[in-house]
Amino acid sequence: MQPRHIGRRTQMLLVLRLNTDFRAMTELGLKEPVLSEKENSVLVVIKHEPLASPEESIMDYLDKKPVGSTINNSQARAITHIRADNQTKAVFNRLVKMGMIE
């Protein structure tokens, strides 16, 4: 297959689209895509993998705060990218059972 050359306008549109996609991935708490430049192309690998588990995200947040700091449900939802209140409560319950938080 012959490499296909695209115009400057198409290149700019692709870059804008990728930037939008990358920003959305960050907002969803997903890992950054991997870009590799080939001879006549660019390969973009997008894995739908979270940066960290909700439990890890909450503990990382608390580790960066002074001892005795707290985290509420809305803060936890923001850093874990969990939308449902009951799912966040389940994460808190697991952390309590593991003895990680009180």
C-alpha atoms as a PDB file:
ATOM      1  CA  MET A   1       0.000   0.000   0.000  1.00  0.00           C
ATOM      2  CA  GLN A   2       1.364   3.383  -0.994  1.00  0.00           C
ATOM      3  CA  PRO A   3       1.662   6.028   1.714  1.00  0.00           C
ATOM      4  CA  ARG A   4      -1.049   8.590   1.392  1.00  0.00           C
ATOM      5  CA  HIS A   5      -0.042  12.216   1.623  1.00  0.00           C
ATOM      6  CA  ILE A   6      -2.488  14.537   3.263  1.00  0.00           C
ATOM      7  CA  GLY A   7      -2.735  18.268   3.011  1.00  0.00           C
ATOM      8  CA  ARG A   8      -1.764  20.800   5.656  1.00  0.00           C
ATOM      9  CA  ARG A   9      -5.418  21.541   6.508  1.00  0.00           C
ATOM     10  CA  THR A  10      -6.139  17.849   7.126  1.00  0.00           C
ATOM     11  CA  GLN A  11      -3.020  17.590   9.275  1.00  0.00           C
ATOM     12  CA  MET A  12      -4.182  20.527  11.401  1.00  0.00           C
ATOM     13  CA  LEU A  13      -7.656  19.011  11.804  1.00  0.00           C
ATOM     14  CA  LEU A  14      -6.128  15.704  12.919  1.00  0.00           C
ATOM     15  CA  VAL A  15      -3.939  17.473  15.485  1.00  0.00           C
ATOM     16  CA  LEU A  16      -6.941  19.367  16.852  1.00  0.00           C
ATOM     17  CA  ARG A  17      -8.937  16.147  17.067  1.00  0.00           C
ATOM     18  CA  LEU A  18      -6.121  14.331  18.869  1.00  0.00           C
ATOM     19  CA  ASN A  19      -5.722  17.212  21.324  1.00  0.00           C
ATOM     20  CA  THR A  20      -9.445  17.059  22.071  1.00  0.00           C
ATOM     21  CA  ASP A  21      -9.279  13.289  22.556  1.00  0.00           C
ATOM     22  CA  PHE A  22      -6.199  13.529  24.789  1.00  0.00           C
ATOM     23  CA  ARG A  23      -7.860  16.197  26.944  1.00  0.00           C
ATOM     24  CA  ALA A  24     -10.982  14.028  27.314  1.00  0.00           C
ATOM     25  CA  MET A  25      -8.857  11.044  28.340  1.00  0.00           C
ATOM     26  CA  THR A  26      -7.177  13.141  31.024  1.00  0.00           C
ATOM     27  CA  GLU A  27     -10.560  14.324  32.310  1.00  0.00           C
ATOM     28  CA  LEU A  28     -11.705  10.708  32.513  1.00  0.00           C
ATOM     29  CA  GLY A  29      -8.585   9.706  34.431  1.00  0.00           C
ATOM     30  CA  LEU A  30      -7.242   7.468  31.682  1.00  0.00           C
ATOM     31  CA  LYS A  31      -3.583   6.913  30.860  1.00  0.00           C
ATOM     32  CA  GLU A  32      -1.998   9.123  28.251  1.00  0.00           C
ATOM     33  CA  PRO A  33      -1.866   7.743  24.717  1.00  0.00           C
ATOM     34  CA  VAL A  34       1.432   6.513  23.313  1.00  0.00           C
ATOM     35  CA  LEU A  35       2.647   8.192  20.128  1.00  0.00           C
ATOM     36  CA  SER A  36       5.270   6.599  17.908  1.00  0.00           C
ATOM     37  CA  GLU A  37       6.600   8.147  14.787  1.00  0.00           C
ATOM     38  CA  LYS A  38       7.078   5.772  11.878  1.00  0.00           C
ATOM     39  CA  GLU A  39       8.802   6.429   8.575  1.00  0.00           C
ATOM     40  CA  ASN A  40       5.723   7.805   6.833  1.00  0.00           C
ATOM     41  CA  SER A  41       3.146   7.886   9.605  1.00  0.00           C
ATOM     42  CA  VAL A  42       2.380   8.329  13.259  1.00  0.00           C
ATOM     43  CA  LEU A  43       0.937   5.522  15.365  1.00  0.00           C
ATOM     44  CA  VAL A  44      -1.348   6.498  18.250  1.00  0.00           C
ATOM     45  CA  VAL A  45      -2.102   3.798  20.825  1.00  0.00           C
ATOM     46  CA  ILE A  46      -5.032   4.619  23.075  1.00  0.00           C
ATOM     47  CA  LYS A  47      -5.564   2.272  25.996  1.00  0.00           C
ATOM     48  CA  HIS A  48      -8.648   2.694  28.096  1.00  0.00           C
ATOM     49  CA  GLU A  49      -6.801   2.002  31.320  1.00  0.00           C
ATOM     50  CA  PRO A  50      -7.218   4.103  34.434  1.00  0.00           C
ATOM     51  CA  LEU A  51      -4.227   5.951  35.860  1.00  0.00           C
ATOM     52  CA  ALA A  52      -4.852   4.316  39.224  1.00  0.00           C
ATOM     53  CA  SER A  53      -7.553   2.455  41.084  1.00  0.00           C
ATOM     54  CA  PRO A  54     -10.051   4.609  42.994  1.00  0.00           C
ATOM     55  CA  GLU A  55      -8.501   3.394  46.248  1.00  0.00           C
ATOM     56  CA  GLU A  56      -5.006   4.394  45.093  1.00  0.00           C
ATOM     57  CA  SER A  57      -6.241   7.799  43.944  1.00  0.00           C
ATOM     58  CA  ILE A  58      -7.863   8.501  47.315  1.00  0.00           C
ATOM     59  CA  MET A  59      -4.818   7.355  49.275  1.00  0.00           C
ATOM     60  CA  ASP A  60      -2.488   9.420  47.054  1.00  0.00           C
ATOM     61  CA  TYR A  61      -4.700  12.449  47.710  1.00  0.00           C
ATOM     62  CA  LEU A  62      -4.603  11.883  51.478  1.00  0.00           C
ATOM     63  CA  ASP A  63      -0.846  11.202  51.487  1.00  0.00           C
ATOM     64  CA  LYS A  64      -0.255  14.660  50.019  1.00  0.00           C
ATOM     65  CA  LYS A  65      -2.326  16.331  52.747  1.00  0.00           C
ATOM     66  CA  PRO A  66      -1.325  16.981  56.375  1.00  0.00           C
ATOM     67  CA  VAL A  67      -1.881  14.129  58.818  1.00  0.00           C
ATOM     68  CA  GLY A  68      -5.498  14.041  59.996  1.00  0.00           C
ATOM     69  CA  SER A  69      -6.879  15.526  56.768  1.00  0.00           C
ATOM     70  CA  THR A  70     -10.175  14.259  55.445  1.00  0.00           C
ATOM     71  CA  ILE A  71     -11.744  13.695  52.065  1.00  0.00           C
ATOM     72  CA  ASN A  72     -15.435  13.963  51.354  1.00  0.00           C
ATOM     73  CA  ASN A  73     -17.558  12.143  48.807  1.00  0.00           C
ATOM     74  CA  SER A  74     -17.551  14.928  46.200  1.00  0.00           C
ATOM     75  CA  GLN A  75     -13.764  15.340  46.433  1.00  0.00           C
ATOM     76  CA  ALA A  76     -13.320  11.587  46.044  1.00  0.00           C
ATOM     77  CA  ARG A  77     -15.618  11.515  43.019  1.00  0.00           C
ATOM     78  CA  ALA A  78     -13.633  14.322  41.411  1.00  0.00           C
ATOM     79  CA  ILE A  79     -10.250  12.623  41.786  1.00  0.00           C
ATOM     80  CA  THR A  80     -11.434   9.097  40.998  1.00  0.00           C
ATOM     81  CA  HIS A  81     -13.701  10.119  38.100  1.00  0.00           C
ATOM     82  CA  ILE A  82     -16.530   8.109  39.651  1.00  0.00           C
ATOM     83  CA  ARG A  83     -19.900   9.694  38.999  1.00  0.00           C
ATOM     84  CA  ALA A  84     -22.144   7.609  41.208  1.00  0.00           C
ATOM     85  CA  ASP A  85     -22.332   8.471  44.894  1.00  0.00           C
ATOM     86  CA  ASN A  86     -22.921   4.859  45.952  1.00  0.00           C
ATOM     87  CA  GLN A  87     -19.809   3.657  44.096  1.00  0.00           C
ATOM     88  CA  THR A  88     -17.693   6.169  45.996  1.00  0.00           C
ATOM     89  CA  LYS A  89     -19.208   4.985  49.269  1.00  0.00           C
ATOM     90  CA  ALA A  90     -18.246   1.422  48.322  1.00  0.00           C
ATOM     91  CA  VAL A  91     -14.640   2.551  47.751  1.00  0.00           C
ATOM     92  CA  PHE A  92     -14.611   4.243  51.172  1.00  0.00           C
ATOM     93  CA  ASN A  93     -16.015   1.053  52.743  1.00  0.00           C
ATOM     94  CA  ARG A  94     -13.275  -1.065  51.149  1.00  0.00           C
ATOM     95  CA  LEU A  95     -10.624   1.342  52.442  1.00  0.00           C
ATOM     96  CA  VAL A  96     -12.115   1.148  55.940  1.00  0.00           C
ATOM     97  CA  LYS A  97     -12.160  -2.679  55.830  1.00  0.00           C
ATOM     98  CA  MET A  98      -8.488  -2.664  54.774  1.00  0.00           C
ATOM     99  CA  GLY A  99      -7.667  -0.355  57.669  1.00  0.00           C
ATOM    100  CA  MET A 100      -6.435   2.378  55.347  1.00  0.00           C
ATOM    101  CA  ILE A 101      -8.897   5.037  56.586  1.00  0.00           C
ATOM    102  CA  GLU A 102     -11.225   5.456  59.545  1.00  0.00           C
END
